[in-house]
């Protein structure tokens, strides 16, 4: 069994720290909802999802690198895309016009990356679907004799 990478520990600490700060922003004293959350509730919720996807991609890429010997190239791309999106969402709150411009550039970058990785994603999803269907077929064809309950 191989040891986990210190990168995974750093990512966990970053994620927990970020969520802790967001919880402080969301809930103030006496469980009152912060005015920041009332005005930017959707952006903050999307930010939490983006950070979660970013952290998940980093951790999965690192786990595949440790256990299999090489990472999944798409996990690095997903991590970079969502890592770039997180500060853009915060800029939507602080400097809305600049944030919208950067969000537009991010969507252009997303379209280019999706076009570049289209064949690789199609191949990966096809393999995943075939494996899932084979596993389901084995599960459905697996017939065992009824077992008696011990008394």
C-alpha atoms as a PDB file:
ATOM      1  CA  UNK A   1       0.000   0.000   0.000  1.00  0.00           C
ATOM      2  CA  UNK A   2       1.432   3.336  -1.004  1.00  0.00           C
ATOM      3  CA  UNK A   3       1.381   6.456   1.106  1.00  0.00           C
ATOM      4  CA  UNK A   4      -0.903   9.318   0.316  1.00  0.00           C
ATOM      5  CA  UNK A   5       0.616  12.420  -1.148  1.00  0.00           C
ATOM      6  CA  UNK A   6       1.065  15.576   0.943  1.00  0.00           C
ATOM      7  CA  UNK A   7      -0.805  17.369  -1.848  1.00  0.00           C
ATOM      8  CA  UNK A   8      -4.009  15.589  -0.821  1.00  0.00           C
ATOM      9  CA  UNK A   9      -3.572  16.765   2.764  1.00  0.00           C
ATOM     10  CA  UNK A  10      -2.961  20.327   1.589  1.00  0.00           C
ATOM     11  CA  UNK A  11      -6.051  20.218  -0.600  1.00  0.00           C
ATOM     12  CA  UNK A  12      -8.179  18.935   2.299  1.00  0.00           C
ATOM     13  CA  UNK A  13      -6.914  21.729   4.555  1.00  0.00           C
ATOM     14  CA  UNK A  14      -7.614  24.334   1.856  1.00  0.00           C
ATOM     15  CA  UNK A  15     -11.123  22.966   1.309  1.00  0.00           C
ATOM     16  CA  UNK A  16     -12.026  22.821   4.991  1.00  0.00           C
ATOM     17  CA  UNK A  17     -10.624  26.323   5.582  1.00  0.00           C
ATOM     18  CA  UNK A  18     -12.590  27.732   2.646  1.00  0.00           C
ATOM     19  CA  UNK A  19     -15.815  26.115   3.795  1.00  0.00           C
ATOM     20  CA  UNK A  20     -15.230  27.391   7.330  1.00  0.00           C
ATOM     21  CA  UNK A  21     -14.848  30.958   6.095  1.00  0.00           C
ATOM     22  CA  UNK A  22     -17.938  30.626   3.910  1.00  0.00           C
ATOM     23  CA  UNK A  23     -19.971  29.376   6.866  1.00  0.00           C
ATOM     24  CA  UNK A  24     -18.858  32.422   8.839  1.00  0.00           C
ATOM     25  CA  UNK A  25     -19.983  34.656   5.974  1.00  0.00           C
ATOM     26  CA  UNK A  26     -23.297  32.863   5.614  1.00  0.00           C
ATOM     27  CA  UNK A  27     -24.258  32.771   9.291  1.00  0.00           C
ATOM     28  CA  UNK A  28     -23.550  35.655  11.576  1.00  0.00           C
ATOM     29  CA  UNK A  29     -24.531  36.078  15.198  1.00  0.00           C
ATOM     30  CA  UNK A  30     -27.858  34.628  16.348  1.00  0.00           C
ATOM     31  CA  UNK A  31     -28.194  32.532  13.175  1.00  0.00           C
ATOM     32  CA  UNK A  32     -29.108  35.630  11.145  1.00  0.00           C
ATOM     33  CA  UNK A  33     -28.490  35.280   7.463  1.00  0.00           C
ATOM     34  CA  UNK A  34     -25.803  37.642   6.252  1.00  0.00           C
ATOM     35  CA  UNK A  35     -26.901  40.419   3.866  1.00  0.00           C
ATOM     36  CA  UNK A  36     -24.062  39.297   1.581  1.00  0.00           C
ATOM     37  CA  UNK A  37     -25.736  35.909   1.223  1.00  0.00           C
ATOM     38  CA  UNK A  38     -29.148  37.430   0.563  1.00  0.00           C
ATOM     39  CA  UNK A  39     -27.805  39.491  -2.328  1.00  0.00           C
ATOM     40  CA  UNK A  40     -25.331  36.972  -3.786  1.00  0.00           C
ATOM     41  CA  UNK A  41     -26.859  33.661  -2.706  1.00  0.00           C
ATOM     42  CA  UNK A  42     -26.610  32.044  -6.163  1.00  0.00           C
ATOM     43  CA  UNK A  43     -22.997  33.106  -6.720  1.00  0.00           C
ATOM     44  CA  UNK A  44     -21.881  31.851  -3.310  1.00  0.00           C
ATOM     45  CA  UNK A  45     -23.712  28.539  -3.821  1.00  0.00           C
ATOM     46  CA  UNK A  46     -22.079  28.096  -7.240  1.00  0.00           C
ATOM     47  CA  UNK A  47     -18.720  29.020  -5.693  1.00  0.00           C
ATOM     48  CA  UNK A  48     -19.087  26.201  -3.151  1.00  0.00           C
ATOM     49  CA  UNK A  49     -19.901  23.730  -5.945  1.00  0.00           C
ATOM     50  CA  UNK A  50     -16.951  24.977  -8.044  1.00  0.00           C
ATOM     51  CA  UNK A  51     -14.515  24.626  -5.144  1.00  0.00           C
ATOM     52  CA  UNK A  52     -15.878  21.129  -4.445  1.00  0.00           C
ATOM     53  CA  UNK A  53     -15.385  20.053  -8.079  1.00  0.00           C
ATOM     54  CA  UNK A  54     -11.892  21.587  -8.119  1.00  0.00           C
ATOM     55  CA  UNK A  55     -10.859  19.793  -4.941  1.00  0.00           C
ATOM     56  CA  UNK A  56     -12.427  16.529  -6.123  1.00  0.00           C
ATOM     57  CA  UNK A  57     -10.534  16.681  -9.428  1.00  0.00           C
ATOM     58  CA  UNK A  58      -7.235  17.367  -7.664  1.00  0.00           C
ATOM     59  CA  UNK A  59      -7.765  14.521  -5.215  1.00  0.00           C
ATOM     60  CA  UNK A  60      -8.901  12.024  -7.884  1.00  0.00           C
ATOM     61  CA  UNK A  61      -5.982  12.931 -10.126  1.00  0.00           C
ATOM     62  CA  UNK A  62      -3.568  12.478  -7.250  1.00  0.00           C
ATOM     63  CA  UNK A  63      -5.141   9.169  -6.185  1.00  0.00           C
ATOM     64  CA  UNK A  64      -4.919   7.816  -9.736  1.00  0.00           C
ATOM     65  CA  UNK A  65      -1.314   9.013  -9.935  1.00  0.00           C
ATOM     66  CA  UNK A  66      -0.433   7.230  -6.688  1.00  0.00           C
ATOM     67  CA  UNK A  67      -2.285   3.947  -7.238  1.00  0.00           C
ATOM     68  CA  UNK A  68      -2.086   3.490 -10.999  1.00  0.00           C
ATOM     69  CA  UNK A  69       1.167   5.294 -11.678  1.00  0.00           C
ATOM     70  CA  UNK A  70      -0.228   7.948 -13.961  1.00  0.00           C
ATOM     71  CA  UNK A  71      -2.967  10.464 -13.560  1.00  0.00           C
ATOM     72  CA  UNK A  72      -5.997  11.101 -15.689  1.00  0.00           C
ATOM     73  CA  UNK A  73      -5.168  14.005 -18.010  1.00  0.00           C
ATOM     74  CA  UNK A  74      -8.736  15.299 -17.958  1.00  0.00           C
ATOM     75  CA  UNK A  75      -8.680  15.615 -14.150  1.00  0.00           C
ATOM     76  CA  UNK A  76      -5.893  18.182 -14.411  1.00  0.00           C
ATOM     77  CA  UNK A  77      -7.845  20.129 -17.010  1.00  0.00           C
ATOM     78  CA  UNK A  78     -11.014  20.044 -14.893  1.00  0.00           C
ATOM     79  CA  UNK A  79      -9.032  21.160 -11.861  1.00  0.00           C
ATOM     80  CA  UNK A  80      -7.509  24.069 -13.772  1.00  0.00           C
ATOM     81  CA  UNK A  81     -10.813  25.165 -15.302  1.00  0.00           C
ATOM     82  CA  UNK A  82     -12.696  25.156 -12.018  1.00  0.00           C
ATOM     83  CA  UNK A  83      -9.727  26.572 -10.127  1.00  0.00           C
ATOM     84  CA  UNK A  84      -9.810  29.490 -12.571  1.00  0.00           C
ATOM     85  CA  UNK A  85     -13.593  29.856 -12.227  1.00  0.00           C
ATOM     86  CA  UNK A  86     -13.581  30.185  -8.415  1.00  0.00           C
ATOM     87  CA  UNK A  87     -11.871  33.607  -8.242  1.00  0.00           C
ATOM     88  CA  UNK A  88     -13.964  34.812 -11.176  1.00  0.00           C
ATOM     89  CA  UNK A  89     -17.098  34.119  -9.140  1.00  0.00           C
ATOM     90  CA  UNK A  90     -15.677  36.123  -6.261  1.00  0.00           C
ATOM     91  CA  UNK A  91     -14.900  38.961  -8.685  1.00  0.00           C
ATOM     92  CA  UNK A  92     -18.570  38.907  -9.705  1.00  0.00           C
ATOM     93  CA  UNK A  93     -19.325  40.006  -6.151  1.00  0.00           C
ATOM     94  CA  UNK A  94     -16.508  42.546  -5.757  1.00  0.00           C
ATOM     95  CA  UNK A  95     -16.206  43.993  -9.298  1.00  0.00           C
ATOM     96  CA  UNK A  96     -19.261  42.827 -11.256  1.00  0.00           C
ATOM     97  CA  UNK A  97     -18.359  44.295 -14.668  1.00  0.00           C
ATOM     98  CA  UNK A  98     -14.827  42.890 -14.625  1.00  0.00           C
ATOM     99  CA  UNK A  99     -16.180  39.581 -13.282  1.00  0.00           C
ATOM    100  CA  UNK A 100     -18.684  39.257 -16.145  1.00  0.00           C
ATOM    101  CA  UNK A 101     -15.966  39.945 -18.722  1.00  0.00           C
ATOM    102  CA  UNK A 102     -13.729  37.284 -17.176  1.00  0.00           C
ATOM    103  CA  UNK A 103     -16.670  34.877 -16.975  1.00  0.00           C
ATOM    104  CA  UNK A 104     -17.201  35.355 -20.712  1.00  0.00           C
ATOM    105  CA  UNK A 105     -13.533  34.541 -21.346  1.00  0.00           C
ATOM    106  CA  UNK A 106     -13.875  31.498 -19.093  1.00  0.00           C
ATOM    107  CA  UNK A 107     -16.794  30.202 -21.187  1.00  0.00           C
ATOM    108  CA  UNK A 108     -14.710  30.669 -24.349  1.00  0.00           C
ATOM    109  CA  UNK A 109     -11.877  28.737 -22.712  1.00  0.00           C
ATOM    110  CA  UNK A 110     -14.330  26.031 -21.638  1.00  0.00           C
ATOM    111  CA  UNK A 111     -15.607  25.684 -25.208  1.00  0.00           C
ATOM    112  CA  UNK A 112     -12.055  25.380 -26.581  1.00  0.00           C
ATOM    113  CA  UNK A 113     -11.048  22.792 -23.978  1.00  0.00           C
ATOM    114  CA  UNK A 114     -14.252  20.821 -24.543  1.00  0.00           C
ATOM    115  CA  UNK A 115     -13.550  20.802 -28.292  1.00  0.00           C
ATOM    116  CA  UNK A 116      -9.935  19.721 -27.758  1.00  0.00           C
ATOM    117  CA  UNK A 117     -10.862  16.903 -25.346  1.00  0.00           C
ATOM    118  CA  UNK A 118     -14.028  15.813 -27.164  1.00  0.00           C
ATOM    119  CA  UNK A 119     -12.543  12.594 -28.570  1.00  0.00           C
ATOM    120  CA  UNK A 120     -10.777  11.659 -25.340  1.00  0.00           C
ATOM    121  CA  UNK A 121     -13.921  12.221 -23.259  1.00  0.00           C
ATOM    122  CA  UNK A 122     -16.034  10.293 -25.761  1.00  0.00           C
ATOM    123  CA  UNK A 123     -13.619   7.347 -25.587  1.00  0.00           C
ATOM    124  CA  UNK A 124     -13.447   7.463 -21.760  1.00  0.00           C
ATOM    125  CA  UNK A 125     -17.231   7.682 -21.335  1.00  0.00           C
ATOM    126  CA  UNK A 126     -17.692   4.850 -23.865  1.00  0.00           C
ATOM    127  CA  UNK A 127     -15.323   2.608 -21.914  1.00  0.00           C
ATOM    128  CA  UNK A 128     -17.053   3.517 -18.677  1.00  0.00           C
ATOM    129  CA  UNK A 129     -20.462   2.686 -20.140  1.00  0.00           C
ATOM    130  CA  UNK A 130     -19.251  -0.659 -21.532  1.00  0.00           C
ATOM    131  CA  UNK A 131     -17.740  -1.631 -18.164  1.00  0.00           C
ATOM    132  CA  UNK A 132     -20.922  -0.629 -16.347  1.00  0.00           C
ATOM    133  CA  UNK A 133     -23.058  -2.691 -18.749  1.00  0.00           C
ATOM    134  CA  UNK A 134     -20.775  -5.726 -18.341  1.00  0.00           C
ATOM    135  CA  UNK A 135     -20.928  -5.410 -14.573  1.00  0.00           C
ATOM    136  CA  UNK A 136     -24.728  -5.125 -14.692  1.00  0.00           C
ATOM    137  CA  UNK A 137     -24.929  -8.162 -16.998  1.00  0.00           C
ATOM    138  CA  UNK A 138     -22.760 -10.231 -14.637  1.00  0.00           C
ATOM    139  CA  UNK A 139     -24.912  -9.128 -11.730  1.00  0.00           C
ATOM    140  CA  UNK A 140     -28.130 -10.122 -13.518  1.00  0.00           C
ATOM    141  CA  UNK A 141     -26.731 -13.479 -14.705  1.00  0.00           C
ATOM    142  CA  UNK A 142     -25.274 -14.365 -11.330  1.00  0.00           C
ATOM    143  CA  UNK A 143     -27.648 -16.952  -9.945  1.00  0.00           C
ATOM    144  CA  UNK A 144     -26.814 -18.670  -6.756  1.00  0.00           C
ATOM    145  CA  UNK A 145     -28.652 -21.414  -5.000  1.00  0.00           C
ATOM    146  CA  UNK A 146     -30.956 -20.205  -2.287  1.00  0.00           C
ATOM    147  CA  UNK A 147     -29.200 -20.333   1.024  1.00  0.00           C
ATOM    148  CA  UNK A 148     -30.881 -21.562   4.141  1.00  0.00           C
ATOM    149  CA  UNK A 149     -30.775 -19.398   7.171  1.00  0.00           C
ATOM    150  CA  UNK A 150     -28.850 -20.889  10.075  1.00  0.00           C
ATOM    151  CA  UNK A 151     -31.034 -21.669  13.028  1.00  0.00           C
END
